[in-house]
Amino acid sequence: MTSTHSIKETLSYFKDKRLLSIFCFGMASGFPWVMIGSAMSGWLKDAELSRSSIGLFGLIFVAYSINFLWSPLVDRIKIPLLTDKLGQRRSWILTTQAIILFCCLQLT
């Protein structure tokens, strides 16, 4: 049995601020992959770099691949001022999102 929902009904779920927050964080967490993977490869190709040089930039993805090694360290480090107000995970989310925003602005 399939149920069909209208677009209006589907978007009504986003009235819940918690769900909207989760949606925004999900979009933001996937953003670096797109920037690194496709946009940077295009820019490097336009700059006439060789394919092997562009391939070396793929090493950036290693940080994402070995996160099981560095994530315990992140869980133990408390960010001053933010951890007390927001908690451990939210302070790290806010900090990394700010770093990503800064780096993206530097690309323009």
PDB file of N, CA and C in Angstrom:
ATOM      1  N   MET A   1       0.850  -1.179   0.000  1.00  0.00           N
ATOM      2  CA  MET A   1       0.000   0.000   0.000  1.00  0.00           C
ATOM      3  C   MET A   1       0.893   1.238   0.000  1.00  0.00           C
ATOM      4  N   THR A   2       0.751   2.056  -0.978  1.00  0.00           N
ATOM      5  CA  THR A   2       1.551   3.275  -1.057  1.00  0.00           C
ATOM      6  C   THR A   2       0.687   4.469  -0.702  1.00  0.00           C
ATOM      7  N   SER A   3       1.312   5.393  -0.033  1.00  0.00           N
ATOM      8  CA  SER A   3       0.598   6.625   0.302  1.00  0.00           C
ATOM      9  C   SER A   3       1.265   7.770  -0.438  1.00  0.00           C
ATOM     10  N   THR A   4       0.465   8.640  -0.931  1.00  0.00           N
ATOM     11  CA  THR A   4       1.001   9.803  -1.630  1.00  0.00           C
ATOM     12  C   THR A   4       0.737  11.036  -0.784  1.00  0.00           C
ATOM     13  N   HIS A   5       1.756  11.847  -0.720  1.00  0.00           N
ATOM     14  CA  HIS A   5       1.658  13.102   0.026  1.00  0.00           C
ATOM     15  C   HIS A   5       1.893  14.243  -0.936  1.00  0.00           C
ATOM     16  N   SER A   6       1.199  15.321  -0.697  1.00  0.00           N
ATOM     17  CA  SER A   6       1.437  16.504  -1.516  1.00  0.00           C
ATOM     18  C   SER A   6       2.711  17.185  -1.034  1.00  0.00           C
ATOM     19  N   ILE A   7       3.202  18.066  -1.856  1.00  0.00           N
ATOM     20  CA  ILE A   7       4.412  18.808  -1.481  1.00  0.00           C
ATOM     21  C   ILE A   7       4.153  19.641  -0.236  1.00  0.00           C
ATOM     22  N   LYS A   8       2.960  20.199  -0.143  1.00  0.00           N
ATOM     23  CA  LYS A   8       2.608  21.017   1.016  1.00  0.00           C
ATOM     24  C   LYS A   8       2.635  20.185   2.293  1.00  0.00           C
ATOM     25  N   GLU A   9       2.117  18.971   2.235  1.00  0.00           N
ATOM     26  CA  GLU A   9       2.137  18.096   3.399  1.00  0.00           C
ATOM     27  C   GLU A   9       3.558  17.708   3.776  1.00  0.00           C
ATOM     28  N   THR A  10       4.359  17.438   2.781  1.00  0.00           N
ATOM     29  CA  THR A  10       5.745  17.051   3.044  1.00  0.00           C
ATOM     30  C   THR A  10       6.517  18.198   3.677  1.00  0.00           C
ATOM     31  N   LEU A  11       6.358  19.399   3.141  1.00  0.00           N
ATOM     32  CA  LEU A  11       7.074  20.559   3.681  1.00  0.00           C
ATOM     33  C   LEU A  11       6.568  20.962   5.059  1.00  0.00           C
ATOM     34  N   SER A  12       5.342  20.565   5.405  1.00  0.00           N
ATOM     35  CA  SER A  12       4.802  20.915   6.719  1.00  0.00           C
ATOM     36  C   SER A  12       5.601  20.263   7.843  1.00  0.00           C
ATOM     37  N   TYR A  13       6.299  19.162   7.544  1.00  0.00           N
ATOM     38  CA  TYR A  13       7.137  18.532   8.569  1.00  0.00           C
ATOM     39  C   TYR A  13       8.271  19.444   9.000  1.00  0.00           C
ATOM     40  N   PHE A  14       8.686  20.351   8.154  1.00  0.00           N
ATOM     41  CA  PHE A  14       9.808  21.221   8.467  1.00  0.00           C
ATOM     42  C   PHE A  14       9.411  22.398   9.352  1.00  0.00           C
ATOM     43  N   LYS A  15       8.161  22.446   9.771  1.00  0.00           N
ATOM     44  CA  LYS A  15       7.760  23.461  10.741  1.00  0.00           C
ATOM     45  C   LYS A  15       8.382  23.182  12.101  1.00  0.00           C
ATOM     46  N   ASP A  16       8.713  21.925  12.336  1.00  0.00           N
ATOM     47  CA  ASP A  16       9.388  21.541  13.574  1.00  0.00           C
ATOM     48  C   ASP A  16      10.839  22.017  13.486  1.00  0.00           C
ATOM     49  N   LYS A  17      11.238  22.902  14.402  1.00  0.00           N
ATOM     50  CA  LYS A  17      12.580  23.489  14.353  1.00  0.00           C
ATOM     51  C   LYS A  17      13.669  22.436  14.498  1.00  0.00           C
ATOM     52  N   ARG A  18      13.409  21.390  15.243  1.00  0.00           N
ATOM     53  CA  ARG A  18      14.421  20.349  15.425  1.00  0.00           C
ATOM     54  C   ARG A  18      14.707  19.639  14.103  1.00  0.00           C
ATOM     55  N   LEU A  19      13.645  19.331  13.360  1.00  0.00           N
ATOM     56  CA  LEU A  19      13.821  18.650  12.083  1.00  0.00           C
ATOM     57  C   LEU A  19      14.508  19.560  11.066  1.00  0.00           C
ATOM     58  N   LEU A  20      14.166  20.834  11.071  1.00  0.00           N
ATOM     59  CA  LEU A  20      14.817  21.789  10.177  1.00  0.00           C
ATOM     60  C   LEU A  20      16.300  21.902  10.504  1.00  0.00           C
ATOM     61  N   SER A  21      16.634  21.891  11.785  1.00  0.00           N
ATOM     62  CA  SER A  21      18.036  21.946  12.201  1.00  0.00           C
ATOM     63  C   SER A  21      18.791  20.708  11.727  1.00  0.00           C
ATOM     64  N   ILE A  22      18.195  19.541  11.880  1.00  0.00           N
ATOM     65  CA  ILE A  22      18.829  18.299  11.426  1.00  0.00           C
ATOM     66  C   ILE A  22      19.027  18.335   9.917  1.00  0.00           C
ATOM     67  N   PHE A  23      18.047  18.824   9.186  1.00  0.00           N
ATOM     68  CA  PHE A  23      18.145  18.932   7.733  1.00  0.00           C
ATOM     69  C   PHE A  23      19.300  19.844   7.322  1.00  0.00           C
ATOM     70  N   CYS A  24      19.415  20.992   7.977  1.00  0.00           N
ATOM     71  CA  CYS A  24      20.483  21.943   7.638  1.00  0.00           C
ATOM     72  C   CYS A  24      21.858  21.368   7.956  1.00  0.00           C
ATOM     73  N   PHE A  25      21.997  20.696   9.102  1.00  0.00           N
ATOM     74  CA  PHE A  25      23.279  20.086   9.432  1.00  0.00           C
ATOM     75  C   PHE A  25      23.620  18.964   8.456  1.00  0.00           C
ATOM     76  N   GLY A  26      22.624  18.223   8.029  1.00  0.00           N
ATOM     77  CA  GLY A  26      22.869  17.168   7.049  1.00  0.00           C
ATOM     78  C   GLY A  26      23.352  17.728   5.724  1.00  0.00           C
ATOM     79  N   MET A  27      22.738  18.813   5.271  1.00  0.00           N
ATOM     80  CA  MET A  27      23.173  19.448   4.031  1.00  0.00           C
ATOM     81  C   MET A  27      24.594  19.992   4.180  1.00  0.00           C
ATOM     82  N   ALA A  28      24.869  20.594   5.325  1.00  0.00           N
ATOM     83  CA  ALA A  28      26.196  21.177   5.543  1.00  0.00           C
ATOM     84  C   ALA A  28      27.277  20.111   5.657  1.00  0.00           C
ATOM     85  N   SER A  29      26.943  18.977   6.212  1.00  0.00           N
ATOM     86  CA  SER A  29      27.969  17.950   6.370  1.00  0.00           C
ATOM     87  C   SER A  29      28.373  17.326   5.044  1.00  0.00           C
ATOM     88  N   GLY A  30      27.499  17.328   4.059  1.00  0.00           N
ATOM     89  CA  GLY A  30      27.848  16.791   2.750  1.00  0.00           C
ATOM     90  C   GLY A  30      28.503  17.803   1.840  1.00  0.00           C
ATOM     91  N   PHE A  31      28.459  19.052   2.196  1.00  0.00           N
ATOM     92  CA  PHE A  31      28.981  20.126   1.364  1.00  0.00           C
ATOM     93  C   PHE A  31      30.479  20.018   1.094  1.00  0.00           C
ATOM     94  N   PRO A  32      31.310  19.681   2.101  1.00  0.00           N
ATOM     95  CA  PRO A  32      32.754  19.595   1.813  1.00  0.00           C
ATOM     96  C   PRO A  32      33.095  18.550   0.769  1.00  0.00           C
ATOM     97  N   TRP A  33      32.387  17.441   0.722  1.00  0.00           N
ATOM     98  CA  TRP A  33      32.659  16.399  -0.263  1.00  0.00           C
ATOM     99  C   TRP A  33      32.468  16.934  -1.671  1.00  0.00           C
ATOM    100  N   VAL A  34      31.421  17.696  -1.874  1.00  0.00           N
ATOM    101  CA  VAL A  34      31.145  18.239  -3.203  1.00  0.00           C
ATOM    102  C   VAL A  34      32.187  19.284  -3.573  1.00  0.00           C
ATOM    103  N   MET A  35      32.533  20.145  -2.624  1.00  0.00           N
ATOM    104  CA  MET A  35      33.523  21.189  -2.901  1.00  0.00           C
ATOM    105  C   MET A  35      34.877  20.584  -3.258  1.00  0.00           C
ATOM    106  N   ILE A  36      35.283  19.603  -2.481  1.00  0.00           N
ATOM    107  CA  ILE A  36      36.597  19.007  -2.709  1.00  0.00           C
ATOM    108  C   ILE A  36      36.580  18.142  -3.956  1.00  0.00           C
ATOM    109  N   GLY A  37      35.548  17.328  -4.086  1.00  0.00           N
ATOM    110  CA  GLY A  37      35.519  16.347  -5.158  1.00  0.00           C
ATOM    111  C   GLY A  37      35.326  16.905  -6.544  1.00  0.00           C
ATOM    112  N   SER A  38      34.324  17.724  -6.730  1.00  0.00           N
ATOM    113  CA  SER A  38      34.013  18.161  -8.088  1.00  0.00           C
ATOM    114  C   SER A  38      34.526  19.563  -8.411  1.00  0.00           C
ATOM    115  N   ALA A  39      34.248  20.512  -7.556  1.00  0.00           N
ATOM    116  CA  ALA A  39      34.638  21.895  -7.856  1.00  0.00           C
ATOM    117  C   ALA A  39      36.157  22.051  -7.933  1.00  0.00           C
ATOM    118  N   MET A  40      36.856  21.475  -6.964  1.00  0.00           N
ATOM    119  CA  MET A  40      38.308  21.629  -6.973  1.00  0.00           C
ATOM    120  C   MET A  40      38.929  20.916  -8.169  1.00  0.00           C
ATOM    121  N   SER A  41      38.413  19.753  -8.516  1.00  0.00           N
ATOM    122  CA  SER A  41      38.935  19.045  -9.688  1.00  0.00           C
ATOM    123  C   SER A  41      38.754  19.881 -10.948  1.00  0.00           C
ATOM    124  N   GLY A  42      37.603  20.531 -11.061  1.00  0.00           N
ATOM    125  CA  GLY A  42      37.358  21.407 -12.209  1.00  0.00           C
ATOM    126  C   GLY A  42      38.298  22.595 -12.244  1.00  0.00           C
ATOM    127  N   TRP A  43      38.508  23.207 -11.089  1.00  0.00           N
ATOM    128  CA  TRP A  43      39.403  24.360 -11.028  1.00  0.00           C
ATOM    129  C   TRP A  43      40.834  23.951 -11.377  1.00  0.00           C
ATOM    130  N   LEU A  44      41.258  22.820 -10.872  1.00  0.00           N
ATOM    131  CA  LEU A  44      42.621  22.366 -11.162  1.00  0.00           C
ATOM    132  C   LEU A  44      42.785  22.012 -12.637  1.00  0.00           C
ATOM    133  N   LYS A  45      41.744  21.467 -13.245  1.00  0.00           N
ATOM    134  CA  LYS A  45      41.797  21.156 -14.674  1.00  0.00           C
ATOM    135  C   LYS A  45      41.875  22.452 -15.489  1.00  0.00           C
ATOM    136  N   ASP A  46      41.097  23.453 -15.080  1.00  0.00           N
ATOM    137  CA  ASP A  46      41.157  24.753 -15.759  1.00  0.00           C
ATOM    138  C   ASP A  46      42.519  25.418 -15.597  1.00  0.00           C
ATOM    139  N   ALA A  47      43.194  25.122 -14.491  1.00  0.00           N
ATOM    140  CA  ALA A  47      44.535  25.668 -14.254  1.00  0.00           C
ATOM    141  C   ALA A  47      45.600  24.862 -14.982  1.00  0.00           C
ATOM    142  N   GLU A  48      45.169  23.899 -15.784  1.00  0.00           N
ATOM    143  CA  GLU A  48      46.033  23.069 -16.623  1.00  0.00           C
ATOM    144  C   GLU A  48      47.012  22.221 -15.823  1.00  0.00           C
ATOM    145  N   LEU A  49      46.568  21.707 -14.684  1.00  0.00           N
ATOM    146  CA  LEU A  49      47.382  20.765 -13.933  1.00  0.00           C
ATOM    147  C   LEU A  49      47.238  19.382 -14.552  1.00  0.00           C
ATOM    148  N   SER A  50      48.246  18.565 -14.385  1.00  0.00           N
ATOM    149  CA  SER A  50      48.194  17.211 -14.938  1.00  0.00           C
ATOM    150  C   SER A  50      47.205  16.354 -14.143  1.00  0.00           C
ATOM    151  N   ARG A  51      46.796  15.265 -14.744  1.00  0.00           N
ATOM    152  CA  ARG A  51      45.858  14.370 -14.072  1.00  0.00           C
ATOM    153  C   ARG A  51      46.462  13.781 -12.801  1.00  0.00           C
ATOM    154  N   SER A  52      47.746  13.503 -12.837  1.00  0.00           N
ATOM    155  CA  SER A  52      48.385  12.947 -11.639  1.00  0.00           C
ATOM    156  C   SER A  52      48.407  13.972 -10.503  1.00  0.00           C
ATOM    157  N   SER A  53      48.612  15.235 -10.824  1.00  0.00           N
ATOM    158  CA  SER A  53      48.584  16.283  -9.792  1.00  0.00           C
ATOM    159  C   SER A  53      47.192  16.431  -9.212  1.00  0.00           C
ATOM    160  N   ILE A  54      46.194  16.372 -10.067  1.00  0.00           N
ATOM    161  CA  ILE A  54      44.818  16.455  -9.588  1.00  0.00           C
ATOM    162  C   ILE A  54      44.502  15.241  -8.718  1.00  0.00           C
ATOM    163  N   GLY A  55      45.012  14.094  -9.087  1.00  0.00           N
ATOM    164  CA  GLY A  55      44.798  12.888  -8.294  1.00  0.00           C
ATOM    165  C   GLY A  55      45.384  12.984  -6.902  1.00  0.00           C
ATOM    166  N   LEU A  56      46.494  13.719  -6.765  1.00  0.00           N
ATOM    167  CA  LEU A  56      47.098  13.889  -5.444  1.00  0.00           C
ATOM    168  C   LEU A  56      46.175  14.648  -4.499  1.00  0.00           C
ATOM    169  N   PHE A  57      45.336  15.508  -5.062  1.00  0.00           N
ATOM    170  CA  PHE A  57      44.397  16.227  -4.213  1.00  0.00           C
ATOM    171  C   PHE A  57      43.342  15.294  -3.633  1.00  0.00           C
ATOM    172  N   GLY A  58      43.231  14.101  -4.203  1.00  0.00           N
ATOM    173  CA  GLY A  58      42.335  13.093  -3.641  1.00  0.00           C
ATOM    174  C   GLY A  58      42.771  12.623  -2.271  1.00  0.00           C
ATOM    175  N   LEU A  59      44.023  12.886  -1.910  1.00  0.00           N
ATOM    176  CA  LEU A  59      44.500  12.522  -0.577  1.00  0.00           C
ATOM    177  C   LEU A  59      43.759  13.278   0.526  1.00  0.00           C
ATOM    178  N   ILE A  60      43.123  14.377   0.151  1.00  0.00           N
ATOM    179  CA  ILE A  60      42.335  15.131   1.125  1.00  0.00           C
ATOM    180  C   ILE A  60      41.244  14.242   1.708  1.00  0.00           C
ATOM    181  N   PHE A  61      40.724  13.326   0.897  1.00  0.00           N
ATOM    182  CA  PHE A  61      39.654  12.444   1.355  1.00  0.00           C
ATOM    183  C   PHE A  61      40.135  11.452   2.407  1.00  0.00           C
ATOM    184  N   VAL A  62      41.429  11.295   2.559  1.00  0.00           N
ATOM    185  CA  VAL A  62      41.951  10.369   3.560  1.00  0.00           C
ATOM    186  C   VAL A  62      41.505  10.791   4.958  1.00  0.00           C
ATOM    187  N   ALA A  63      41.425  12.085   5.204  1.00  0.00           N
ATOM    188  CA  ALA A  63      40.977  12.560   6.514  1.00  0.00           C
ATOM    189  C   ALA A  63      39.585  12.044   6.842  1.00  0.00           C
ATOM    190  N   TYR A  64      38.711  11.970   5.851  1.00  0.00           N
ATOM    191  CA  TYR A  64      37.378  11.435   6.070  1.00  0.00           C
ATOM    192  C   TYR A  64      37.407   9.919   6.229  1.00  0.00           C
ATOM    193  N   SER A  65      38.318   9.263   5.556  1.00  0.00           N
ATOM    194  CA  SER A  65      38.382   7.806   5.581  1.00  0.00           C
ATOM    195  C   SER A  65      38.929   7.262   6.890  1.00  0.00           C
ATOM    196  N   ILE A  66      39.792   8.014   7.534  1.00  0.00           N
ATOM    197  CA  ILE A  66      40.390   7.527   8.775  1.00  0.00           C
ATOM    198  C   ILE A  66      39.817   8.243  10.001  1.00  0.00           C
ATOM    199  N   ASN A  67      38.595   8.702   9.904  1.00  0.00           N
ATOM    200  CA  ASN A  67      38.020   9.424  11.040  1.00  0.00           C
ATOM    201  C   ASN A  67      37.885   8.553  12.284  1.00  0.00           C
ATOM    202  N   PHE A  68      37.870   7.244  12.134  1.00  0.00           N
ATOM    203  CA  PHE A  68      37.812   6.373  13.302  1.00  0.00           C
ATOM    204  C   PHE A  68      39.083   6.481  14.143  1.00  0.00           C
ATOM    205  N   LEU A  69      40.159   6.993  13.554  1.00  0.00           N
ATOM    206  CA  LEU A  69      41.404   7.167  14.296  1.00  0.00           C
ATOM    207  C   LEU A  69      41.441   8.486  15.066  1.00  0.00           C
ATOM    208  N   TRP A  70      40.942   9.564  14.459  1.00  0.00           N
ATOM    209  CA  TRP A  70      41.027  10.862  15.121  1.00  0.00           C
ATOM    210  C   TRP A  70      39.756  11.257  15.870  1.00  0.00           C
ATOM    211  N   SER A  71      38.647  10.561  15.638  1.00  0.00           N
ATOM    212  CA  SER A  71      37.398  10.946  16.311  1.00  0.00           C
ATOM    213  C   SER A  71      37.441  10.758  17.830  1.00  0.00           C
ATOM    214  N   PRO A  72      38.111   9.730  18.389  1.00  0.00           N
ATOM    215  CA  PRO A  72      38.184   9.665  19.859  1.00  0.00           C
ATOM    216  C   PRO A  72      38.880  10.876  20.475  1.00  0.00           C
ATOM    217  N   LEU A  73      39.847  11.431  19.770  1.00  0.00           N
ATOM    218  CA  LEU A  73      40.517  12.628  20.262  1.00  0.00           C
ATOM    219  C   LEU A  73      39.540  13.802  20.299  1.00  0.00           C
ATOM    220  N   VAL A  74      38.734  13.931  19.267  1.00  0.00           N
ATOM    221  CA  VAL A  74      37.746  15.009  19.210  1.00  0.00           C
ATOM    222  C   VAL A  74      36.730  14.856  20.340  1.00  0.00           C
ATOM    223  N   ASP A  75      36.380  13.624  20.673  1.00  0.00           N
ATOM    224  CA  ASP A  75      35.419  13.397  21.753  1.00  0.00           C
ATOM    225  C   ASP A  75      35.970  13.789  23.117  1.00  0.00           C
ATOM    226  N   ARG A  76      37.279  13.825  23.262  1.00  0.00           N
ATOM    227  CA  ARG A  76      37.875  14.141  24.558  1.00  0.00           C
ATOM    228  C   ARG A  76      38.238  15.618  24.716  1.00  0.00           C
ATOM    229  N   ILE A  77      38.461  16.324  23.636  1.00  0.00           N
ATOM    230  CA  ILE A  77      38.867  17.731  23.717  1.00  0.00           C
ATOM    231  C   ILE A  77      37.632  18.610  23.866  1.00  0.00           C
ATOM    232  N   LYS A  78      37.661  19.470  24.853  1.00  0.00           N
ATOM    233  CA  LYS A  78      36.555  20.400  25.085  1.00  0.00           C
ATOM    234  C   LYS A  78      36.945  21.771  24.546  1.00  0.00           C
ATOM    235  N   ILE A  79      36.027  22.373  23.828  1.00  0.00           N
ATOM    236  CA  ILE A  79      36.271  23.703  23.265  1.00  0.00           C
ATOM    237  C   ILE A  79      35.923  24.732  24.332  1.00  0.00           C
ATOM    238  N   PRO A  80      36.888  25.570  24.729  1.00  0.00           N
ATOM    239  CA  PRO A  80      36.629  26.543  25.786  1.00  0.00           C
ATOM    240  C   PRO A  80      35.456  27.463  25.446  1.00  0.00           C
ATOM    241  N   LEU A  81      34.727  27.831  26.443  1.00  0.00           N
ATOM    242  CA  LEU A  81      33.567  28.725  26.384  1.00  0.00           C
ATOM    243  C   LEU A  81      32.342  28.068  25.742  1.00  0.00           C
ATOM    244  N   LEU A  82      32.510  27.356  24.659  1.00  0.00           N
ATOM    245  CA  LEU A  82      31.364  26.771  23.967  1.00  0.00           C
ATOM    246  C   LEU A  82      30.854  25.493  24.624  1.00  0.00           C
ATOM    247  N   THR A  83      31.747  24.662  25.139  1.00  0.00           N
ATOM    248  CA  THR A  83      31.336  23.378  25.707  1.00  0.00           C
ATOM    249  C   THR A  83      30.416  23.579  26.903  1.00  0.00           C
ATOM    250  N   ASP A  84      30.701  24.563  27.733  1.00  0.00           N
ATOM    251  CA  ASP A  84      29.870  24.807  28.906  1.00  0.00           C
ATOM    252  C   ASP A  84      28.466  25.266  28.524  1.00  0.00           C
ATOM    253  N   LYS A  85      28.357  26.037  27.454  1.00  0.00           N
ATOM    254  CA  LYS A  85      27.056  26.580  27.044  1.00  0.00           C
ATOM    255  C   LYS A  85      26.265  25.633  26.156  1.00  0.00           C
ATOM    256  N   LEU A  86      26.940  24.970  25.225  1.00  0.00           N
ATOM    257  CA  LEU A  86      26.245  24.164  24.217  1.00  0.00           C
ATOM    258  C   LEU A  86      26.359  22.658  24.435  1.00  0.00           C
ATOM    259  N   GLY A  87      27.361  22.232  25.153  1.00  0.00           N
ATOM    260  CA  GLY A  87      27.623  20.812  25.291  1.00  0.00           C
ATOM    261  C   GLY A  87      28.744  20.403  24.353  1.00  0.00           C
ATOM    262  N   GLN A  88      29.228  19.175  24.555  1.00  0.00           N
ATOM    263  CA  GLN A  88      30.407  18.688  23.825  1.00  0.00           C
ATOM    264  C   GLN A  88      30.173  18.622  22.322  1.00  0.00           C
ATOM    265  N   ARG A  89      29.138  17.926  21.891  1.00  0.00           N
ATOM    266  CA  ARG A  89      28.935  17.712  20.452  1.00  0.00           C
ATOM    267  C   ARG A  89      28.495  18.973  19.727  1.00  0.00           C
ATOM    268  N   ARG A  90      27.595  19.710  20.328  1.00  0.00           N
ATOM    269  CA  ARG A  90      27.128  20.937  19.665  1.00  0.00           C
ATOM    270  C   ARG A  90      28.247  21.957  19.520  1.00  0.00           C
ATOM    271  N   SER A  91      29.134  22.018  20.496  1.00  0.00           N
ATOM    272  CA  SER A  91      30.251  22.965  20.386  1.00  0.00           C
ATOM    273  C   SER A  91      31.176  22.568  19.241  1.00  0.00           C
ATOM    274  N   TRP A  92      31.415  21.261  19.062  1.00  0.00           N
ATOM    275  CA  TRP A  92      32.238  20.811  17.940  1.00  0.00           C
ATOM    276  C   TRP A  92      31.531  21.050  16.611  1.00  0.00           C
ATOM    277  N   ILE A  93      30.228  20.815  16.561  1.00  0.00           N
ATOM    278  CA  ILE A  93      29.474  21.056  15.321  1.00  0.00           C
ATOM    279  C   ILE A  93      29.561  22.528  14.943  1.00  0.00           C
ATOM    280  N   LEU A  94      29.326  23.404  15.908  1.00  0.00           N
ATOM    281  CA  LEU A  94      29.377  24.842  15.626  1.00  0.00           C
ATOM    282  C   LEU A  94      30.778  25.264  15.179  1.00  0.00           C
ATOM    283  N   THR A  95      31.796  24.762  15.836  1.00  0.00           N
ATOM    284  CA  THR A  95      33.170  25.119  15.491  1.00  0.00           C
ATOM    285  C   THR A  95      33.536  24.646  14.089  1.00  0.00           C
ATOM    286  N   THR A  96      33.229  23.387  13.771  1.00  0.00           N
ATOM    287  CA  THR A  96      33.588  22.877  12.444  1.00  0.00           C
ATOM    288  C   THR A  96      32.772  23.542  11.344  1.00  0.00           C
ATOM    289  N   GLN A  97      31.517  23.865  11.612  1.00  0.00           N
ATOM    290  CA  GLN A  97      30.723  24.575  10.614  1.00  0.00           C
ATOM    291  C   GLN A  97      31.282  25.974  10.364  1.00  0.00           C
ATOM    292  N   ALA A  98      31.749  26.623  11.423  1.00  0.00           N
ATOM    293  CA  ALA A  98      32.365  27.947  11.254  1.00  0.00           C
ATOM    294  C   ALA A  98      33.659  27.853  10.437  1.00  0.00           C
ATOM    295  N   ILE A  99      34.440  26.810  10.668  1.00  0.00           N
ATOM    296  CA  ILE A  99      35.678  26.620   9.900  1.00  0.00           C
ATOM    297  C   ILE A  99      35.359  26.351   8.434  1.00  0.00           C
ATOM    298  N   ILE A 100      34.351  25.517   8.183  1.00  0.00           N
ATOM    299  CA  ILE A 100      33.949  25.220   6.808  1.00  0.00           C
ATOM    300  C   ILE A 100      33.453  26.484   6.112  1.00  0.00           C
ATOM    301  N   LEU A 101      32.654  27.285   6.804  1.00  0.00           N
ATOM    302  CA  LEU A 101      32.161  28.535   6.227  1.00  0.00           C
ATOM    303  C   LEU A 101      33.313  29.472   5.901  1.00  0.00           C
ATOM    304  N   PHE A 102      34.245  29.602   6.818  1.00  0.00           N
ATOM    305  CA  PHE A 102      35.411  30.463   6.584  1.00  0.00           C
ATOM    306  C   PHE A 102      36.213  29.996   5.376  1.00  0.00           C
ATOM    307  N   CYS A 103      36.455  28.700   5.306  1.00  0.00           N
ATOM    308  CA  CYS A 103      37.240  28.163   4.179  1.00  0.00           C
ATOM    309  C   CYS A 103      36.503  28.348   2.850  1.00  0.00           C
ATOM    310  N   CYS A 104      35.200  28.169   2.854  1.00  0.00           N
ATOM    311  CA  CYS A 104      34.427  28.364   1.625  1.00  0.00           C
ATOM    312  C   CYS A 104      34.451  29.829   1.186  1.00  0.00           C
ATOM    313  N   LEU A 105      34.391  30.737   2.151  1.00  0.00           N
ATOM    314  CA  LEU A 105      34.462  32.154   1.803  1.00  0.00           C
ATOM    315  C   LEU A 105      35.834  32.531   1.258  1.00  0.00           C
ATOM    316  N   GLN A 106      36.858  31.839   1.715  1.00  0.00           N
ATOM    317  CA  GLN A 106      38.214  32.099   1.221  1.00  0.00           C
ATOM    318  C   GLN A 106      38.385  31.621  -0.237  1.00  0.00           C
ATOM    319  N   LEU A 107      37.541  30.679  -0.661  1.00  0.00           N
ATOM    320  CA  LEU A 107      37.627  30.178  -2.038  1.00  0.00           C
ATOM    321  C   LEU A 107      37.118  31.192  -3.055  1.00  0.00           C
ATOM    322  N   THR A 108      36.267  32.095  -2.643  1.00  0.00           N
ATOM    323  CA  THR A 108      35.680  33.052  -3.586  1.00  0.00           C
ATOM    324  C   THR A 108      36.577  34.225  -3.833  1.00  0.00           C
TER     325      THR A 108
END
